[in-house]
Protein backbone atom coordinates (compact mmCIF):
# COMPACT_ATOMS: atom_id res chain seq x y z
CA MET A 1 18.42 -18.23 -11.84
CA LYS A 2 18.25 -17.92 -15.65
CA GLU A 3 14.68 -19.19 -15.55
CA TYR A 4 13.81 -16.65 -12.86
CA ILE A 5 15.33 -13.73 -14.83
CA LYS A 6 13.40 -14.86 -17.92
CA ARG A 7 10.21 -14.99 -15.86
CA VAL A 8 10.73 -11.42 -14.62
CA LYS A 9 11.47 -10.11 -18.13
CA GLU A 10 8.34 -11.76 -19.53
CA GLY A 11 6.14 -10.34 -16.79
CA THR A 12 7.30 -6.74 -16.93
CA SER A 13 8.75 -4.14 -19.26
CA THR A 14 12.03 -2.23 -19.37
CA ARG A 15 10.21 1.01 -18.57
CA GLN A 16 8.67 -0.54 -15.48
CA LEU A 17 12.02 -1.83 -14.22
CA ILE A 18 13.67 1.57 -14.77
CA PHE A 19 10.79 3.30 -12.97
CA TRP A 20 11.01 0.88 -10.02
CA TRP A 21 14.76 1.33 -9.66
CA VAL A 22 14.60 5.12 -9.80
CA ILE A 23 12.22 4.98 -6.83
CA ARG A 24 14.39 2.42 -5.02
CA ILE A 25 17.58 4.45 -5.46
CA THR A 26 15.98 7.47 -3.78
CA MET A 27 14.89 5.26 -0.90
CA ILE A 28 18.34 3.70 -0.58
CA TYR A 29 19.70 7.22 -0.29
CA ALA A 30 17.13 8.05 2.42
CA PHE A 31 18.00 4.82 4.26
CA ILE A 32 21.75 5.57 4.33
CA LYS A 33 21.21 9.26 5.10
CA GLY A 34 19.15 8.28 8.13
CA PHE A 35 22.29 7.02 9.87
CA PHE A 36 24.02 10.38 9.40
CA PRO A 37 21.74 13.15 10.75
CA ASP A 38 22.57 16.78 10.07
CA ALA A 39 24.24 18.91 12.72
CA GLY A 40 21.84 19.58 15.58
CA GLU A 41 19.52 16.70 14.67
CA LYS A 42 19.00 13.85 17.11
CA PHE A 43 19.75 10.41 15.72
CA ASP A 44 16.82 7.99 15.98
CA ILE A 45 17.47 4.43 14.75
CA THR A 46 13.77 3.98 13.96
CA ASP A 47 13.98 6.48 11.08
CA PRO A 48 16.31 4.49 8.78
CA LEU A 49 14.79 1.21 9.94
CA GLN A 50 11.32 2.31 8.87
CA VAL A 51 12.62 3.45 5.47
CA GLY A 52 14.55 0.19 5.13
CA ALA A 53 11.47 -1.92 5.86
CA ASN A 54 9.50 0.02 3.25
CA LEU A 55 12.37 -0.34 0.77
CA LEU A 56 12.13 -4.14 1.03
CA ALA A 57 8.41 -3.90 0.28
CA THR A 58 9.21 -2.41 -3.14
CA PHE A 59 10.56 -5.82 -4.22
CA VAL A 60 7.40 -7.84 -3.53
CA TRP A 61 6.55 -8.63 -7.17
CA GLU A 62 10.07 -9.90 -7.89
CA ILE A 63 9.84 -12.01 -4.71
CA PHE A 64 6.49 -13.42 -5.86
CA MET A 65 8.17 -14.67 -9.04
CA PHE A 66 10.12 -17.17 -6.90
CA PHE A 67 6.85 -18.84 -5.90
CA PRO A 68 5.55 -22.03 -7.58
CA PRO A 69 3.53 -21.63 -10.82
CA LYS A 70 0.26 -22.50 -9.08
CA SER A 71 0.75 -19.89 -6.37
CA ILE A 72 -1.76 -17.03 -6.33
CA LEU A 73 1.02 -14.47 -5.93
CA ARG A 74 2.93 -15.87 -8.91
CA ASN A 75 -0.08 -15.05 -11.10
CA LEU A 76 -0.28 -11.40 -10.07
CA SER A 77 0.27 -8.86 -12.83
CA SER A 78 3.35 -6.68 -12.40
CA SER A 79 1.20 -3.58 -12.92
CA PHE A 80 0.02 -3.69 -9.31
CA GLN A 81 3.57 -2.91 -8.15
CA ASN A 82 3.53 0.37 -10.11
CA PHE A 83 0.86 1.67 -7.74
CA LEU A 84 2.34 -0.01 -4.69
CA ILE A 85 5.81 1.41 -5.15
CA VAL A 86 4.47 4.96 -5.59
CA MET A 87 2.44 4.64 -2.39
CA ILE A 88 5.46 3.34 -0.49
CA TRP A 89 7.64 6.16 -1.82
CA CYS A 90 5.10 8.82 -0.85
CA ALA A 91 4.73 7.37 2.65
CA SER A 92 8.39 6.61 3.34
CA PHE A 93 10.50 9.06 1.34
CA GLY A 94 8.00 11.90 1.19
CA GLY A 95 6.28 11.42 4.52
CA LYS A 96 9.11 10.17 6.73
CA PHE A 97 12.35 11.35 5.11
CA LEU A 98 11.13 14.74 3.83
CA ASN A 99 8.89 15.13 6.90
CA LEU A 100 5.84 16.00 4.79
CA TYR A 101 3.57 14.38 7.35
CA TYR A 102 4.24 17.37 9.59
CA ASP A 103 5.18 20.06 7.07
CA PHE A 104 2.15 19.60 4.79
CA ARG A 105 -1.22 19.14 6.48
CA TRP A 106 -2.90 17.31 3.60
CA TRP A 107 -0.11 14.81 2.90
CA ASP A 108 -1.43 12.12 5.27
CA VAL A 109 -5.01 12.87 4.18
CA MET A 110 -4.10 12.33 0.53
CA LEU A 111 -2.17 9.11 1.21
CA HIS A 112 -4.97 7.45 3.16
CA PHE A 113 -7.61 8.39 0.62
CA VAL A 114 -5.50 7.17 -2.31
CA GLY A 115 -4.32 4.15 -0.29
CA GLY A 116 -7.88 3.01 0.40
CA ALA A 117 -8.68 3.40 -3.30
CA ALA A 118 -5.53 1.60 -4.44
CA CYS A 119 -6.14 -1.36 -2.13
CA VAL A 120 -9.44 -2.08 -3.88
CA PHE A 121 -7.45 -2.38 -7.11
CA PHE A 122 -4.91 -4.60 -5.31
CA GLY A 123 -7.73 -6.83 -4.09
CA TYR A 124 -9.15 -6.89 -7.59
CA GLU A 125 -5.78 -8.01 -8.95
CA ILE A 126 -5.52 -10.77 -6.33
CA VAL A 127 -8.97 -12.15 -7.12
CA CYS A 128 -8.14 -11.99 -10.83
CA ALA A 129 -4.94 -13.93 -10.16
CA ILE A 130 -6.93 -16.63 -8.36
CA LEU A 131 -9.40 -16.92 -11.22
CA ARG A 132 -6.60 -16.91 -13.78
CA ARG A 133 -4.70 -19.63 -11.93
CA ASP A 134 -7.78 -21.82 -11.54
CA GLU A 135 -8.95 -21.09 -15.11
CA THR A 136 -12.41 -20.19 -13.93
CA ASN A 137 -14.60 -17.10 -13.70
CA ALA A 138 -16.84 -15.28 -11.24
CA PRO A 139 -19.49 -12.54 -11.30
CA LEU A 140 -18.15 -9.00 -11.15
CA SER A 141 -20.25 -8.35 -8.02
CA LEU A 142 -18.44 -11.14 -6.15
CA VAL A 143 -15.02 -9.96 -7.33
CA LEU A 144 -15.80 -6.43 -6.16
CA LEU A 145 -17.07 -7.59 -2.78
CA ALA A 146 -13.78 -9.43 -2.18
CA SER A 147 -11.79 -6.43 -3.44
CA PHE A 148 -13.67 -4.04 -1.17
CA GLY A 149 -13.10 -6.35 1.80
CA PHE A 150 -9.39 -6.61 1.01
CA SER A 151 -9.08 -2.83 1.17
CA PHE A 152 -10.49 -2.81 4.70
CA PHE A 153 -8.16 -5.66 5.69
CA ALA A 154 -5.12 -3.82 4.29
CA ALA A 155 -6.09 -0.57 6.03
CA THR A 156 -6.49 -2.36 9.37
CA ALA A 157 -3.22 -4.25 8.88
CA TRP A 158 -1.43 -0.95 8.23
CA GLU A 159 -2.76 0.57 11.46
CA VAL A 160 -1.66 -2.57 13.34
CA PHE A 161 1.80 -2.25 11.77
CA GLU A 162 2.08 1.41 12.81
CA PHE A 163 0.96 0.59 16.35
CA THR A 164 3.38 -2.36 16.64
CA PHE A 165 6.29 -0.39 15.19
CA ASP A 166 5.79 2.49 17.62
CA GLN A 167 5.34 0.15 20.57
CA VAL A 168 8.58 -1.73 19.84
CA ALA A 169 10.47 1.49 19.05
CA CYS A 170 9.39 3.15 22.30
CA MET A 171 10.28 0.05 24.33
CA GLY A 172 13.70 0.09 22.68
CA GLY A 173 14.37 3.67 23.73
CA GLY A 174 13.43 5.30 20.43
CA ILE A 175 10.55 7.64 19.64
CA GLY A 176 8.48 5.75 17.10
CA ASP A 177 5.91 8.07 15.57
CA ALA A 178 4.53 6.03 12.68
CA GLN A 179 1.04 6.28 14.18
CA HIS A 180 1.34 10.03 14.87
CA TRP A 181 0.26 9.57 18.46
CA SER A 182 1.90 12.61 20.08
CA ILE A 183 0.20 16.00 20.09
CA GLU A 184 3.39 17.48 21.55
CA MET A 185 5.34 16.50 18.42
CA ALA A 186 2.61 17.97 16.22
CA LYS A 187 2.31 21.32 17.99
CA GLY A 188 3.46 24.22 15.87
CA THR A 189 3.20 22.20 12.63
CA PRO A 190 0.38 21.87 10.06
CA LYS A 191 -0.15 18.31 11.40
CA GLU A 192 -1.63 19.78 14.59
CA LEU A 193 -4.86 20.36 12.65
CA THR A 194 -6.48 16.97 12.13
CA LEU A 195 -9.14 16.25 9.52
CA PHE A 196 -11.79 16.41 12.26
CA ASP A 197 -11.67 18.86 15.13
CA PRO A 198 -10.67 16.83 18.22
CA VAL A 199 -12.34 19.39 20.54
CA TYR A 200 -10.14 18.17 23.40
CA SER A 201 -6.38 17.78 22.89
CA ASP A 202 -6.47 14.44 24.72
CA ARG A 203 -8.46 13.06 21.78
CA TRP A 204 -5.95 14.22 19.14
CA ALA A 205 -4.32 10.81 18.60
CA ILE A 206 -7.61 8.90 18.26
CA MET A 207 -8.99 11.57 15.93
CA ASP A 208 -5.93 11.21 13.71
CA THR A 209 -6.39 7.42 13.55
CA MET A 210 -10.15 7.65 12.96
CA ALA A 211 -9.59 10.21 10.20
CA ASP A 212 -7.26 7.68 8.53
CA ILE A 213 -9.97 5.00 8.69
CA VAL A 214 -12.65 7.33 7.31
CA LEU A 215 -10.39 8.40 4.44
CA ASN A 216 -9.53 4.77 3.63
CA THR A 217 -13.24 3.97 3.50
CA VAL A 218 -14.12 6.89 1.21
CA GLY A 219 -11.24 6.06 -1.12
CA ALA A 220 -12.24 2.39 -1.22
CA PHE A 221 -15.84 3.29 -2.04
CA CYS A 222 -14.72 5.52 -4.93
CA SER A 223 -12.67 2.69 -6.44
CA TYR A 224 -15.54 0.27 -5.94
CA VAL A 225 -17.87 2.51 -7.94
CA PHE A 226 -15.26 3.08 -10.66
CA ILE A 227 -14.52 -0.62 -11.22
CA ARG A 228 -18.22 -1.43 -11.01
CA PHE A 229 -18.85 0.68 -14.10
CA TYR A 230 -15.44 0.30 -15.78
CA PRO A 231 -14.07 -3.19 -15.05
CA TYR A 232 -10.72 -3.64 -16.78
CA ARG A 233 -8.91 -6.68 -18.09
CA HIS A 234 -5.21 -7.21 -18.71
CA LYS A 235 -3.71 -7.95 -22.11
CA GLY A 236 -0.91 -10.25 -23.21
CA LYS A 237 0.40 -12.79 -20.71
CA TYR A 238 -2.21 -11.92 -18.08
CA ALA A 239 -5.19 -11.76 -20.44
CA PHE A 240 -8.11 -13.85 -19.26
CA GLU A 241 -11.88 -13.57 -19.42
CA PHE A 242 -12.35 -13.93 -15.70
CA LEU A 243 -15.37 -11.70 -15.17
CA ARG A 244 -18.00 -13.55 -17.13
CA THR A 245 -21.12 -14.24 -15.11
CA ALA A 246 -21.58 -17.96 -14.82
CA LYS A 247 -24.73 -19.19 -16.57
CA LYS A 248 -27.35 -20.80 -14.40
CA GLU A 249 -27.69 -24.49 -15.07
CA LYS A 250 -31.16 -25.71 -15.92
CA VAL A 251 -32.52 -28.09 -13.35
CA THR A 252 -34.05 -31.12 -14.98
CA LYS A 253 -36.37 -33.43 -13.12
């Protein structure tokens, strides 16, 4: 355990740890509060469970530090969790607990755009971790292609998670509205207006999902362009010249 604590301290800073725990404390509050609804509110077990699942996701970097030294995840910079934990807080505490998904029309729009952009950076960090672990390098174009693809994978995985969560919740007698599939629940709220006009109300749910995918794509493209012109490298423990273009070997006859 001493070795693990030392590993965490070397890979992060005191300011980062304080920042992470401030976010986590607010989510712990939201998790506990979910079991005690206000007067007149209907208790739904899926609400605290969803916040609790997201709370666990804020510990991923610390969990990665348990992995073997040659693991890809062990070589990830702690800076990626700064972005991840903010995204989780906005989605779980802001979106679910404060109900901003329905009270503020552009909340979901903003999260999917920023999420698609952030996932390109996450993919970039993962590829960098692989190159750092293997002590090799790769062309920036190849790193970006993998990063761009990771963003699409993450966006699809998130939609699958929302679908699965709602399906299980509904089968268990709950409501389950992670995917925002019910026009009836959205009526009378800013959420009723989707990014694209559904024309027919029966298409509201699919329009909401497709808007998410479009926003993820636009955000990912913006990050792709940014890193293409401004590729960054870490300093200190995670410093490594991993983006050098490999020189072509001369073929001798």
